[in-house]
Amino acid sequence: MSNPAFDRIQADISANPVVLFMKGTPVFPQCGFSARTVQILSHMGVPFKGVNVLEDAEIREGIKAFTNWPTIPQLYVKGEFVGGCDIVMEMFQSGELATLLEEKGIPHQAAA
């Protein structure tokens, strides 16, 4: 049986190289963890689609079940779940995020 929320999540992940399921929008994040993740991606110059889970309860709950990951934000790169804010921050600080983006062919700026 098809799950409409899962179908929409999969469509976003398939159609966009980098997707951030977040609270709020990239211009107006509505939680500190979403804001921090947007800040990292923006600092690196990564083009990404933000999906505001606060606008749709089905997507908000669906994304947690989709990945079996209990928190938001959630970052996807080329269809692959990367992690939440803490993981993205650790990967950014260690250089792993830049490496992942490079391997996946995602344009970005080297961290200064």
N, C-alpha and C. Protein backbone atom coordinates (compact mmCIF):
# COMPACT_ATOMS: atom_id res chain seq x y z
N MET A 1 0.83 -1.18 0.00
CA MET A 1 0.00 0.00 0.00
C MET A 1 0.88 1.26 0.00
N SER A 2 0.50 2.21 -0.78
CA SER A 2 1.26 3.44 -0.93
C SER A 2 1.02 4.38 0.26
N ASN A 3 2.06 5.08 0.67
CA ASN A 3 1.97 6.07 1.73
C ASN A 3 2.18 7.44 1.08
N PRO A 4 1.13 8.30 1.05
CA PRO A 4 1.26 9.59 0.36
C PRO A 4 2.41 10.46 0.89
N ALA A 5 2.62 10.47 2.19
CA ALA A 5 3.71 11.27 2.76
C ALA A 5 5.06 10.73 2.28
N PHE A 6 5.22 9.40 2.32
CA PHE A 6 6.48 8.79 1.87
C PHE A 6 6.70 9.08 0.39
N ASP A 7 5.62 9.04 -0.41
CA ASP A 7 5.73 9.31 -1.84
C ASP A 7 6.21 10.74 -2.08
N ARG A 8 5.67 11.70 -1.33
CA ARG A 8 6.08 13.09 -1.49
C ARG A 8 7.52 13.30 -1.02
N ILE A 9 7.89 12.66 0.09
CA ILE A 9 9.27 12.76 0.58
C ILE A 9 10.22 12.19 -0.46
N GLN A 10 9.91 11.01 -0.98
CA GLN A 10 10.76 10.37 -1.98
C GLN A 10 10.86 11.23 -3.24
N ALA A 11 9.76 11.85 -3.64
CA ALA A 11 9.77 12.71 -4.83
C ALA A 11 10.71 13.90 -4.62
N ASP A 12 10.67 14.54 -3.44
CA ASP A 12 11.56 15.66 -3.15
C ASP A 12 13.02 15.22 -3.16
N ILE A 13 13.28 14.08 -2.53
CA ILE A 13 14.66 13.57 -2.44
C ILE A 13 15.18 13.20 -3.83
N SER A 14 14.31 12.64 -4.66
CA SER A 14 14.71 12.23 -6.01
C SER A 14 14.92 13.42 -6.94
N ALA A 15 14.12 14.47 -6.76
CA ALA A 15 14.14 15.61 -7.68
C ALA A 15 15.20 16.66 -7.35
N ASN A 16 15.75 16.61 -6.14
CA ASN A 16 16.69 17.65 -5.69
C ASN A 16 17.97 17.02 -5.17
N PRO A 17 19.13 17.48 -5.64
CA PRO A 17 20.40 16.88 -5.18
C PRO A 17 20.61 17.02 -3.67
N VAL A 18 20.20 18.15 -3.10
CA VAL A 18 20.35 18.37 -1.65
C VAL A 18 19.01 18.85 -1.11
N VAL A 19 18.49 18.14 -0.11
CA VAL A 19 17.20 18.48 0.50
C VAL A 19 17.38 18.53 2.01
N LEU A 20 16.86 19.58 2.62
CA LEU A 20 16.86 19.70 4.07
C LEU A 20 15.42 19.77 4.55
N PHE A 21 14.97 18.72 5.24
CA PHE A 21 13.68 18.74 5.90
C PHE A 21 13.91 19.46 7.22
N MET A 22 13.20 20.59 7.40
CA MET A 22 13.53 21.48 8.51
C MET A 22 12.28 22.14 9.06
N LYS A 23 12.44 22.77 10.21
CA LYS A 23 11.36 23.57 10.80
C LYS A 23 11.58 25.00 10.33
N GLY A 24 10.62 25.49 9.54
CA GLY A 24 10.75 26.81 8.95
C GLY A 24 11.29 26.70 7.53
N THR A 25 11.79 27.83 7.04
CA THR A 25 12.33 27.90 5.69
C THR A 25 13.80 28.29 5.76
N PRO A 26 14.55 28.11 4.66
CA PRO A 26 15.95 28.54 4.69
C PRO A 26 16.11 30.02 5.02
N VAL A 27 15.15 30.85 4.61
CA VAL A 27 15.22 32.28 4.89
C VAL A 27 14.78 32.58 6.33
N PHE A 28 13.86 31.77 6.85
CA PHE A 28 13.33 32.01 8.20
C PHE A 28 13.21 30.68 8.96
N PRO A 29 14.37 30.11 9.38
CA PRO A 29 14.32 28.88 10.17
C PRO A 29 13.59 29.12 11.49
N GLN A 30 12.85 28.13 11.95
CA GLN A 30 12.06 28.31 13.17
C GLN A 30 12.51 27.43 14.33
N CYS A 31 13.72 26.92 14.24
CA CYS A 31 14.34 26.27 15.41
C CYS A 31 15.84 26.41 15.27
N GLY A 32 16.53 26.38 16.38
CA GLY A 32 17.97 26.58 16.38
C GLY A 32 18.73 25.53 15.59
N PHE A 33 18.28 24.28 15.65
CA PHE A 33 18.98 23.20 14.95
C PHE A 33 18.83 23.37 13.43
N SER A 34 17.62 23.74 12.99
CA SER A 34 17.41 24.00 11.56
C SER A 34 18.26 25.20 11.13
N ALA A 35 18.28 26.24 11.95
CA ALA A 35 19.05 27.44 11.63
C ALA A 35 20.54 27.12 11.50
N ARG A 36 21.05 26.30 12.40
CA ARG A 36 22.47 25.96 12.37
C ARG A 36 22.81 25.16 11.11
N THR A 37 21.93 24.25 10.74
CA THR A 37 22.17 23.44 9.55
C THR A 37 22.12 24.30 8.29
N VAL A 38 21.14 25.21 8.21
CA VAL A 38 21.05 26.15 7.08
C VAL A 38 22.32 27.00 7.03
N GLN A 39 22.78 27.45 8.18
CA GLN A 39 23.98 28.29 8.24
C GLN A 39 25.19 27.56 7.66
N ILE A 40 25.34 26.29 8.00
CA ILE A 40 26.47 25.49 7.48
C ILE A 40 26.37 25.35 5.96
N LEU A 41 25.18 24.97 5.47
CA LEU A 41 25.01 24.79 4.03
C LEU A 41 25.22 26.11 3.30
N SER A 42 24.69 27.19 3.85
CA SER A 42 24.85 28.51 3.22
C SER A 42 26.31 28.96 3.23
N HIS A 43 26.99 28.73 4.33
CA HIS A 43 28.41 29.08 4.44
C HIS A 43 29.23 28.35 3.38
N MET A 44 28.83 27.11 3.09
CA MET A 44 29.54 26.31 2.09
C MET A 44 29.05 26.59 0.68
N GLY A 45 28.03 27.44 0.54
CA GLY A 45 27.51 27.76 -0.79
C GLY A 45 26.79 26.61 -1.46
N VAL A 46 26.20 25.74 -0.67
CA VAL A 46 25.52 24.56 -1.20
C VAL A 46 24.09 24.93 -1.60
N PRO A 47 23.73 24.73 -2.87
CA PRO A 47 22.34 24.95 -3.25
C PRO A 47 21.49 23.80 -2.70
N PHE A 48 20.39 24.13 -2.03
CA PHE A 48 19.56 23.07 -1.45
C PHE A 48 18.10 23.49 -1.43
N LYS A 49 17.24 22.47 -1.35
CA LYS A 49 15.81 22.72 -1.19
C LYS A 49 15.47 22.53 0.27
N GLY A 50 14.80 23.50 0.85
CA GLY A 50 14.30 23.38 2.21
C GLY A 50 12.84 22.97 2.17
N VAL A 51 12.49 21.97 2.97
CA VAL A 51 11.10 21.53 3.09
C VAL A 51 10.65 21.85 4.51
N ASN A 52 9.68 22.74 4.64
CA ASN A 52 9.19 23.18 5.94
C ASN A 52 8.20 22.15 6.49
N VAL A 53 8.64 21.37 7.46
CA VAL A 53 7.77 20.32 8.02
C VAL A 53 6.66 20.90 8.89
N LEU A 54 6.78 22.17 9.28
CA LEU A 54 5.74 22.79 10.10
C LEU A 54 4.48 23.08 9.28
N GLU A 55 4.61 23.11 7.96
CA GLU A 55 3.47 23.38 7.09
C GLU A 55 2.61 22.14 6.84
N ASP A 56 3.13 20.95 7.18
CA ASP A 56 2.43 19.73 6.83
C ASP A 56 2.72 18.65 7.88
N ALA A 57 1.72 18.35 8.70
CA ALA A 57 1.89 17.37 9.78
C ALA A 57 2.23 15.99 9.24
N GLU A 58 1.69 15.63 8.07
CA GLU A 58 2.00 14.32 7.47
C GLU A 58 3.48 14.21 7.13
N ILE A 59 4.04 15.26 6.57
CA ILE A 59 5.47 15.25 6.23
C ILE A 59 6.29 15.30 7.51
N ARG A 60 5.86 16.08 8.49
CA ARG A 60 6.60 16.20 9.75
C ARG A 60 6.75 14.84 10.44
N GLU A 61 5.66 14.09 10.51
CA GLU A 61 5.73 12.75 11.13
C GLU A 61 6.29 11.73 10.15
N GLY A 62 5.95 11.91 8.87
CA GLY A 62 6.39 10.95 7.85
C GLY A 62 7.90 10.89 7.70
N ILE A 63 8.57 12.05 7.77
CA ILE A 63 10.02 12.06 7.58
C ILE A 63 10.72 11.29 8.69
N LYS A 64 10.17 11.34 9.89
CA LYS A 64 10.76 10.60 11.02
C LYS A 64 10.66 9.10 10.78
N ALA A 65 9.51 8.65 10.28
CA ALA A 65 9.32 7.23 9.98
C ALA A 65 10.11 6.82 8.74
N PHE A 66 10.20 7.72 7.78
CA PHE A 66 10.89 7.44 6.51
C PHE A 66 12.33 7.01 6.76
N THR A 67 13.00 7.71 7.67
CA THR A 67 14.41 7.42 7.95
C THR A 67 14.61 6.65 9.25
N ASN A 68 13.54 6.51 10.02
CA ASN A 68 13.68 5.94 11.36
C ASN A 68 14.64 6.79 12.18
N TRP A 69 14.51 8.11 12.03
CA TRP A 69 15.35 9.09 12.73
C TRP A 69 14.39 10.05 13.43
N PRO A 70 14.49 10.22 14.75
CA PRO A 70 13.44 10.91 15.50
C PRO A 70 13.44 12.43 15.45
N THR A 71 14.50 13.03 14.93
CA THR A 71 14.60 14.49 15.03
C THR A 71 14.62 15.17 13.67
N ILE A 72 14.33 16.46 13.71
CA ILE A 72 14.37 17.33 12.54
C ILE A 72 15.30 18.47 12.93
N PRO A 73 16.18 18.91 12.05
CA PRO A 73 16.25 18.73 10.61
C PRO A 73 16.87 17.41 10.19
N GLN A 74 16.64 17.08 8.93
CA GLN A 74 17.25 15.91 8.31
C GLN A 74 17.78 16.32 6.94
N LEU A 75 19.05 15.99 6.69
CA LEU A 75 19.70 16.36 5.44
C LEU A 75 19.88 15.14 4.54
N TYR A 76 19.53 15.34 3.27
CA TYR A 76 19.71 14.30 2.25
C TYR A 76 20.60 14.86 1.15
N VAL A 77 21.57 14.07 0.72
CA VAL A 77 22.43 14.44 -0.39
C VAL A 77 22.37 13.33 -1.42
N LYS A 78 21.92 13.67 -2.63
CA LYS A 78 21.78 12.70 -3.73
C LYS A 78 21.01 11.46 -3.28
N GLY A 79 19.92 11.69 -2.57
CA GLY A 79 19.05 10.60 -2.15
C GLY A 79 19.49 9.86 -0.90
N GLU A 80 20.65 10.20 -0.37
CA GLU A 80 21.20 9.50 0.80
C GLU A 80 20.98 10.33 2.06
N PHE A 81 20.45 9.70 3.10
CA PHE A 81 20.27 10.38 4.38
C PHE A 81 21.63 10.60 5.01
N VAL A 82 21.94 11.86 5.32
CA VAL A 82 23.23 12.20 5.92
C VAL A 82 23.11 12.24 7.44
N GLY A 83 22.08 12.93 7.95
CA GLY A 83 21.90 13.00 9.39
C GLY A 83 21.21 14.29 9.79
N GLY A 84 21.20 14.53 11.09
CA GLY A 84 20.61 15.73 11.65
C GLY A 84 21.65 16.78 11.91
N CYS A 85 21.28 17.78 12.67
CA CYS A 85 22.13 18.95 12.92
C CYS A 85 23.50 18.57 13.51
N ASP A 86 23.50 17.75 14.55
CA ASP A 86 24.77 17.41 15.21
C ASP A 86 25.72 16.69 14.26
N ILE A 87 25.18 15.76 13.48
CA ILE A 87 26.02 15.01 12.54
C ILE A 87 26.54 15.94 11.45
N VAL A 88 25.67 16.79 10.91
CA VAL A 88 26.09 17.74 9.87
C VAL A 88 27.17 18.67 10.42
N MET A 89 26.99 19.13 11.65
CA MET A 89 27.97 20.03 12.25
C MET A 89 29.33 19.32 12.44
N GLU A 90 29.29 18.09 12.94
CA GLU A 90 30.53 17.33 13.12
C GLU A 90 31.22 17.09 11.78
N MET A 91 30.43 16.73 10.77
CA MET A 91 30.99 16.48 9.43
C MET A 91 31.58 17.76 8.84
N PHE A 92 30.92 18.89 9.07
CA PHE A 92 31.44 20.17 8.59
C PHE A 92 32.77 20.48 9.26
N GLN A 93 32.83 20.33 10.57
CA GLN A 93 34.04 20.67 11.32
C GLN A 93 35.21 19.76 10.96
N SER A 94 34.93 18.50 10.67
CA SER A 94 36.01 17.55 10.36
C SER A 94 36.41 17.56 8.89
N GLY A 95 35.61 18.23 8.04
CA GLY A 95 35.89 18.24 6.60
C GLY A 95 35.17 17.13 5.85
N GLU A 96 34.49 16.23 6.60
CA GLU A 96 33.79 15.12 5.95
C GLU A 96 32.64 15.59 5.07
N LEU A 97 31.98 16.67 5.46
CA LEU A 97 30.86 17.17 4.67
C LEU A 97 31.34 17.65 3.31
N ALA A 98 32.44 18.38 3.27
CA ALA A 98 33.01 18.85 2.00
C ALA A 98 33.40 17.65 1.13
N THR A 99 33.98 16.64 1.75
CA THR A 99 34.36 15.43 1.02
C THR A 99 33.14 14.74 0.43
N LEU A 100 32.09 14.60 1.24
CA LEU A 100 30.86 13.97 0.76
C LEU A 100 30.27 14.75 -0.42
N LEU A 101 30.20 16.06 -0.29
CA LEU A 101 29.65 16.90 -1.36
C LEU A 101 30.48 16.75 -2.64
N GLU A 102 31.78 16.71 -2.48
CA GLU A 102 32.67 16.55 -3.62
C GLU A 102 32.43 15.20 -4.30
N GLU A 103 32.37 14.14 -3.50
CA GLU A 103 32.15 12.79 -4.03
C GLU A 103 30.83 12.69 -4.78
N LYS A 104 29.82 13.43 -4.30
CA LYS A 104 28.49 13.37 -4.91
C LYS A 104 28.30 14.39 -6.04
N GLY A 105 29.34 15.20 -6.29
CA GLY A 105 29.27 16.17 -7.39
C GLY A 105 28.39 17.37 -7.08
N ILE A 106 28.29 17.72 -5.81
CA ILE A 106 27.49 18.87 -5.40
C ILE A 106 28.39 20.10 -5.33
N PRO A 107 28.04 21.18 -6.05
CA PRO A 107 28.87 22.39 -5.98
C PRO A 107 28.87 22.98 -4.58
N HIS A 108 30.04 23.40 -4.14
CA HIS A 108 30.17 24.04 -2.82
C HIS A 108 31.49 24.79 -2.77
N GLN A 109 31.62 25.63 -1.77
CA GLN A 109 32.87 26.35 -1.55
C GLN A 109 33.62 25.64 -0.44
N ALA A 110 34.93 25.59 -0.58
CA ALA A 110 35.76 25.01 0.47
C ALA A 110 35.62 25.86 1.73
N ALA A 111 35.57 25.20 2.86
CA ALA A 111 35.48 25.92 4.14
C ALA A 111 36.75 26.71 4.36
N ALA A 112 36.60 27.93 4.81
CA ALA A 112 37.77 28.80 5.04
C ALA A 112 38.37 28.55 6.40
